[in-house]
Amino acid sequence: MNHPLITDEERAQLIAHEQARAAGQCIDPLPVVRIFTPDAHATWLLASLDPMDGDTAYGLIDLGIGMPELGTVQLSALAAIVGPRKQAVMRDCYFQAVRPLSEYVHLAKENGSITD
């Protein structure tokens, strides 16, 4: 299942991270993609994607309410979100992870939100 929120290259990286985890490897991957609402304060840093359904992603979820958490989200559900000013969610085309997912989680919990 293809989604406009991730590129084919990002999809391959996300699936590779999930396959490594499923194979029992202890990994702390770099997030692959950042998705955000341009007219609200929600951000998703995605690190893996279920290869079976191609829709369930795992990563750091920050809904802008001061409680960022690790969890899963369906890409199809993200694609359906429209913010208060009628803007759809977007992929950050310039996002480059600078730390592993665990560090993003630690910093987000300390600050109450994803800071970069």
N, C-alpha and C. Protein backbone atom coordinates (compact mmCIF):
# COMPACT_ATOMS: atom_id res chain seq x y z
N MET A 1 0.84 -1.17 0.00
CA MET A 1 0.00 0.00 0.00
C MET A 1 0.90 1.24 0.00
N ASN A 2 0.76 2.09 -0.99
CA ASN A 2 1.56 3.31 -1.07
C ASN A 2 0.82 4.47 -0.43
N HIS A 3 1.56 5.32 0.23
CA HIS A 3 0.99 6.48 0.89
C HIS A 3 1.77 7.71 0.45
N PRO A 4 1.09 8.82 0.22
CA PRO A 4 1.79 10.04 -0.17
C PRO A 4 2.64 10.63 0.95
N LEU A 5 2.46 10.13 2.18
CA LEU A 5 3.21 10.68 3.31
C LEU A 5 4.63 10.16 3.40
N ILE A 6 4.94 9.06 2.72
CA ILE A 6 6.30 8.53 2.75
C ILE A 6 6.74 8.17 1.33
N THR A 7 8.02 8.31 1.08
CA THR A 7 8.57 7.94 -0.21
C THR A 7 8.86 6.45 -0.24
N ASP A 8 9.13 5.91 -1.41
CA ASP A 8 9.48 4.49 -1.53
C ASP A 8 10.75 4.18 -0.73
N GLU A 9 11.71 5.08 -0.77
CA GLU A 9 12.96 4.88 -0.02
C GLU A 9 12.70 4.86 1.49
N GLU A 10 11.87 5.80 1.96
CA GLU A 10 11.53 5.82 3.38
C GLU A 10 10.76 4.56 3.76
N ARG A 11 9.86 4.12 2.90
CA ARG A 11 9.10 2.89 3.15
C ARG A 11 10.06 1.72 3.34
N ALA A 12 11.05 1.60 2.47
CA ALA A 12 12.02 0.50 2.56
C ALA A 12 12.80 0.57 3.87
N GLN A 13 13.21 1.76 4.28
CA GLN A 13 13.93 1.92 5.55
C GLN A 13 13.05 1.56 6.74
N LEU A 14 11.82 2.03 6.73
CA LEU A 14 10.89 1.75 7.82
C LEU A 14 10.64 0.25 7.95
N ILE A 15 10.43 -0.41 6.83
CA ILE A 15 10.19 -1.86 6.85
C ILE A 15 11.44 -2.61 7.32
N ALA A 16 12.61 -2.17 6.89
CA ALA A 16 13.86 -2.82 7.32
C ALA A 16 14.02 -2.73 8.84
N HIS A 17 13.67 -1.59 9.43
CA HIS A 17 13.75 -1.44 10.88
C HIS A 17 12.79 -2.41 11.57
N GLU A 18 11.58 -2.55 11.04
CA GLU A 18 10.60 -3.46 11.65
C GLU A 18 11.04 -4.91 11.51
N GLN A 19 11.60 -5.26 10.37
CA GLN A 19 12.07 -6.63 10.16
C GLN A 19 13.22 -6.97 11.10
N ALA A 20 14.11 -6.03 11.34
CA ALA A 20 15.21 -6.25 12.28
C ALA A 20 14.68 -6.46 13.69
N ARG A 21 13.71 -5.64 14.08
CA ARG A 21 13.10 -5.78 15.40
C ARG A 21 12.39 -7.12 15.53
N ALA A 22 11.63 -7.50 14.50
CA ALA A 22 10.89 -8.77 14.51
C ALA A 22 11.83 -9.97 14.55
N ALA A 23 13.04 -9.80 14.02
CA ALA A 23 14.03 -10.88 14.02
C ALA A 23 14.75 -10.99 15.36
N GLY A 24 14.37 -10.13 16.31
CA GLY A 24 14.95 -10.21 17.64
C GLY A 24 16.17 -9.33 17.85
N GLN A 25 16.52 -8.54 16.86
CA GLN A 25 17.65 -7.64 17.03
C GLN A 25 17.26 -6.50 17.96
N CYS A 26 18.16 -6.14 18.83
CA CYS A 26 17.93 -5.02 19.74
C CYS A 26 18.41 -3.76 19.03
N ILE A 27 17.48 -3.04 18.44
CA ILE A 27 17.86 -1.86 17.66
C ILE A 27 17.27 -0.60 18.26
N ASP A 28 17.93 0.50 18.04
CA ASP A 28 17.45 1.83 18.42
C ASP A 28 17.64 2.69 17.17
N PRO A 29 16.71 2.56 16.23
CA PRO A 29 16.92 3.19 14.93
C PRO A 29 16.77 4.70 14.95
N LEU A 30 17.32 5.32 13.94
CA LEU A 30 17.05 6.73 13.70
C LEU A 30 15.64 6.81 13.13
N PRO A 31 14.84 7.77 13.57
CA PRO A 31 13.55 7.95 12.91
C PRO A 31 13.78 8.23 11.42
N VAL A 32 12.88 7.75 10.61
CA VAL A 32 13.04 7.85 9.16
C VAL A 32 12.29 9.05 8.59
N VAL A 33 11.13 9.31 9.12
CA VAL A 33 10.28 10.37 8.56
C VAL A 33 9.60 11.16 9.68
N ARG A 34 9.43 12.44 9.42
CA ARG A 34 8.70 13.31 10.35
C ARG A 34 7.45 13.78 9.62
N ILE A 35 6.30 13.53 10.24
CA ILE A 35 5.01 13.97 9.70
C ILE A 35 4.44 14.96 10.71
N PHE A 36 3.81 16.01 10.22
CA PHE A 36 3.31 17.04 11.13
C PHE A 36 2.05 17.70 10.58
N THR A 37 1.34 18.37 11.46
CA THR A 37 0.21 19.18 11.06
C THR A 37 0.69 20.62 10.95
N PRO A 38 0.58 21.23 9.77
CA PRO A 38 1.09 22.60 9.61
C PRO A 38 0.27 23.64 10.36
N ASP A 39 -0.97 23.31 10.70
CA ASP A 39 -1.82 24.29 11.37
C ASP A 39 -2.26 23.84 12.77
N ALA A 40 -1.51 22.92 13.33
CA ALA A 40 -1.76 22.46 14.70
C ALA A 40 -0.40 22.10 15.29
N HIS A 41 -0.37 21.41 16.38
CA HIS A 41 0.91 21.13 17.03
C HIS A 41 1.19 19.64 17.16
N ALA A 42 0.75 18.85 16.20
CA ALA A 42 0.98 17.40 16.25
C ALA A 42 2.15 17.02 15.36
N THR A 43 2.96 16.07 15.85
CA THR A 43 4.13 15.59 15.11
C THR A 43 4.28 14.10 15.35
N TRP A 44 4.68 13.39 14.31
CA TRP A 44 4.95 11.96 14.39
C TRP A 44 6.34 11.71 13.84
N LEU A 45 7.23 11.11 14.62
CA LEU A 45 8.54 10.68 14.16
C LEU A 45 8.47 9.17 13.99
N LEU A 46 8.43 8.70 12.76
CA LEU A 46 8.22 7.29 12.49
C LEU A 46 9.53 6.56 12.28
N ALA A 47 9.64 5.39 12.93
CA ALA A 47 10.88 4.62 12.88
C ALA A 47 10.73 3.26 12.20
N SER A 48 9.49 2.72 12.15
CA SER A 48 9.32 1.42 11.50
C SER A 48 7.91 1.30 10.93
N LEU A 49 7.74 0.31 10.05
CA LEU A 49 6.47 0.09 9.37
C LEU A 49 6.23 -1.40 9.25
N ASP A 50 5.04 -1.83 9.60
CA ASP A 50 4.66 -3.24 9.51
C ASP A 50 4.63 -3.66 8.05
N PRO A 51 5.48 -4.61 7.66
CA PRO A 51 5.51 -5.04 6.25
C PRO A 51 4.28 -5.84 5.85
N MET A 52 3.55 -6.38 6.83
CA MET A 52 2.37 -7.19 6.52
C MET A 52 1.21 -6.33 6.02
N ASP A 53 0.96 -5.20 6.68
CA ASP A 53 -0.15 -4.36 6.22
C ASP A 53 0.32 -3.10 5.50
N GLY A 54 1.60 -2.74 5.65
CA GLY A 54 2.13 -1.56 4.97
C GLY A 54 1.49 -0.27 5.42
N ASP A 55 0.77 -0.30 6.54
CA ASP A 55 0.03 0.87 6.99
C ASP A 55 0.31 1.23 8.44
N THR A 56 0.67 0.26 9.26
CA THR A 56 0.88 0.50 10.69
C THR A 56 2.33 0.88 10.95
N ALA A 57 2.51 2.12 11.36
CA ALA A 57 3.84 2.65 11.63
C ALA A 57 4.04 2.78 13.14
N TYR A 58 5.29 2.73 13.56
CA TYR A 58 5.66 2.85 14.97
C TYR A 58 6.63 4.00 15.12
N GLY A 59 6.46 4.76 16.17
CA GLY A 59 7.39 5.85 16.44
C GLY A 59 6.93 6.71 17.60
N LEU A 60 7.48 7.90 17.66
CA LEU A 60 7.17 8.86 18.70
C LEU A 60 6.01 9.73 18.24
N ILE A 61 4.96 9.75 19.05
CA ILE A 61 3.74 10.48 18.71
C ILE A 61 3.60 11.64 19.68
N ASP A 62 3.48 12.84 19.12
CA ASP A 62 3.31 14.05 19.92
C ASP A 62 2.06 14.77 19.39
N LEU A 63 0.96 14.65 20.13
CA LEU A 63 -0.30 15.26 19.70
C LEU A 63 -0.45 16.71 20.14
N GLY A 64 0.63 17.26 20.70
CA GLY A 64 0.61 18.66 21.09
C GLY A 64 -0.09 18.94 22.40
N ILE A 65 -0.23 17.90 23.24
CA ILE A 65 -0.92 18.09 24.52
C ILE A 65 0.04 17.87 25.70
N GLY A 66 1.34 17.87 25.42
CA GLY A 66 2.34 17.76 26.48
C GLY A 66 2.63 16.36 26.95
N MET A 67 2.19 15.34 26.18
CA MET A 67 2.40 13.96 26.60
C MET A 67 2.90 13.10 25.44
N PRO A 68 4.08 13.37 24.89
CA PRO A 68 4.58 12.55 23.78
C PRO A 68 4.83 11.11 24.23
N GLU A 69 4.48 10.15 23.39
CA GLU A 69 4.61 8.74 23.73
C GLU A 69 4.99 7.92 22.51
N LEU A 70 5.63 6.79 22.76
CA LEU A 70 5.87 5.82 21.70
C LEU A 70 4.55 5.10 21.42
N GLY A 71 4.31 4.79 20.16
CA GLY A 71 3.09 4.08 19.82
C GLY A 71 2.99 3.80 18.35
N THR A 72 1.84 3.27 17.96
CA THR A 72 1.60 2.96 16.55
C THR A 72 0.51 3.87 16.01
N VAL A 73 0.56 4.06 14.71
CA VAL A 73 -0.43 4.87 14.02
C VAL A 73 -0.55 4.35 12.59
N GLN A 74 -1.74 4.42 12.04
CA GLN A 74 -1.94 4.01 10.65
C GLN A 74 -1.66 5.21 9.74
N LEU A 75 -0.85 4.97 8.71
CA LEU A 75 -0.56 6.03 7.75
C LEU A 75 -1.85 6.52 7.09
N SER A 76 -2.78 5.60 6.85
CA SER A 76 -4.05 5.99 6.24
C SER A 76 -4.83 6.93 7.16
N ALA A 77 -4.74 6.73 8.47
CA ALA A 77 -5.41 7.63 9.41
C ALA A 77 -4.74 9.00 9.41
N LEU A 78 -3.41 9.01 9.35
CA LEU A 78 -2.69 10.30 9.28
C LEU A 78 -3.07 11.06 8.02
N ALA A 79 -3.13 10.35 6.91
CA ALA A 79 -3.44 10.99 5.63
C ALA A 79 -4.84 11.61 5.63
N ALA A 80 -5.71 11.13 6.49
CA ALA A 80 -7.09 11.63 6.55
C ALA A 80 -7.25 12.85 7.46
N ILE A 81 -6.20 13.19 8.22
CA ILE A 81 -6.30 14.30 9.17
C ILE A 81 -6.30 15.63 8.43
N VAL A 82 -7.22 16.49 8.84
CA VAL A 82 -7.27 17.87 8.35
C VAL A 82 -7.31 18.76 9.58
N GLY A 83 -6.40 19.72 9.62
CA GLY A 83 -6.30 20.59 10.79
C GLY A 83 -7.37 21.66 10.84
N PRO A 84 -7.31 22.51 11.87
CA PRO A 84 -8.34 23.53 12.08
C PRO A 84 -8.43 24.57 10.96
N ARG A 85 -7.36 24.74 10.23
CA ARG A 85 -7.38 25.68 9.09
C ARG A 85 -7.49 24.94 7.76
N LYS A 86 -7.99 23.71 7.85
CA LYS A 86 -8.25 22.87 6.67
C LYS A 86 -6.99 22.46 5.93
N GLN A 87 -5.87 22.35 6.65
CA GLN A 87 -4.62 21.90 6.05
C GLN A 87 -4.38 20.45 6.43
N ALA A 88 -4.00 19.65 5.45
CA ALA A 88 -3.71 18.23 5.67
C ALA A 88 -2.34 18.06 6.31
N VAL A 89 -2.12 16.89 6.92
CA VAL A 89 -0.79 16.60 7.47
C VAL A 89 0.21 16.56 6.32
N MET A 90 1.46 16.77 6.68
CA MET A 90 2.53 16.82 5.67
C MET A 90 3.73 16.04 6.13
N ARG A 91 4.52 15.59 5.16
CA ARG A 91 5.82 14.98 5.43
C ARG A 91 6.84 16.10 5.39
N ASP A 92 7.73 16.12 6.37
CA ASP A 92 8.81 17.10 6.40
C ASP A 92 9.89 16.63 5.43
N CYS A 93 9.94 17.23 4.27
CA CYS A 93 10.88 16.82 3.22
C CYS A 93 12.33 17.06 3.61
N TYR A 94 12.57 17.89 4.62
CA TYR A 94 13.94 18.25 5.00
C TYR A 94 14.39 17.57 6.29
N PHE A 95 13.55 16.72 6.86
CA PHE A 95 13.90 16.07 8.12
C PHE A 95 15.08 15.13 7.94
N GLN A 96 16.05 15.27 8.81
CA GLN A 96 17.20 14.37 8.92
C GLN A 96 17.37 14.07 10.39
N ALA A 97 17.15 12.83 10.78
CA ALA A 97 17.30 12.47 12.19
C ALA A 97 18.75 12.69 12.62
N VAL A 98 18.91 13.24 13.81
CA VAL A 98 20.25 13.51 14.34
C VAL A 98 20.56 12.66 15.57
N ARG A 99 19.59 11.84 15.98
CA ARG A 99 19.79 10.99 17.15
C ARG A 99 18.87 9.78 17.03
N PRO A 100 19.17 8.72 17.76
CA PRO A 100 18.29 7.54 17.74
C PRO A 100 16.93 7.85 18.37
N LEU A 101 15.97 7.02 18.07
CA LEU A 101 14.61 7.21 18.56
C LEU A 101 14.56 7.36 20.08
N SER A 102 15.32 6.56 20.81
CA SER A 102 15.28 6.62 22.28
C SER A 102 15.67 8.01 22.79
N GLU A 103 16.59 8.67 22.12
CA GLU A 103 16.98 10.02 22.55
C GLU A 103 15.89 11.04 22.25
N TYR A 104 15.22 10.89 21.10
CA TYR A 104 14.08 11.77 20.81
C TYR A 104 13.00 11.59 21.87
N VAL A 105 12.75 10.35 22.28
CA VAL A 105 11.75 10.06 23.30
C VAL A 105 12.14 10.73 24.61
N HIS A 106 13.39 10.53 25.03
CA HIS A 106 13.87 11.12 26.29
C HIS A 106 13.70 12.64 26.28
N LEU A 107 14.16 13.29 25.22
CA LEU A 107 14.08 14.75 25.13
C LEU A 107 12.63 15.24 25.06
N ALA A 108 11.79 14.51 24.33
CA ALA A 108 10.39 14.91 24.21
C ALA A 108 9.67 14.80 25.56
N LYS A 109 9.97 13.76 26.30
CA LYS A 109 9.33 13.61 27.62
C LYS A 109 9.83 14.68 28.58
N GLU A 110 11.11 15.02 28.47
CA GLU A 110 11.67 16.09 29.31
C GLU A 110 11.03 17.44 29.01
N ASN A 111 10.81 17.71 27.70
CA ASN A 111 10.31 19.01 27.25
C ASN A 111 8.80 19.06 27.07
N GLY A 112 8.14 17.92 27.08
CA GLY A 112 6.70 17.89 26.87
C GLY A 112 6.30 17.94 25.40
N SER A 113 7.29 17.90 24.52
CA SER A 113 7.01 17.90 23.08
C SER A 113 8.29 17.54 22.31
N ILE A 114 8.11 17.19 21.06
CA ILE A 114 9.26 16.95 20.18
C ILE A 114 9.85 18.31 19.85
N THR A 115 11.13 18.48 20.13
CA THR A 115 11.73 19.82 19.98
C THR A 115 12.41 20.05 18.65
N ASP A 116 12.73 19.00 17.90
CA ASP A 116 13.33 19.22 16.57
C ASP A 116 12.94 18.14 15.61
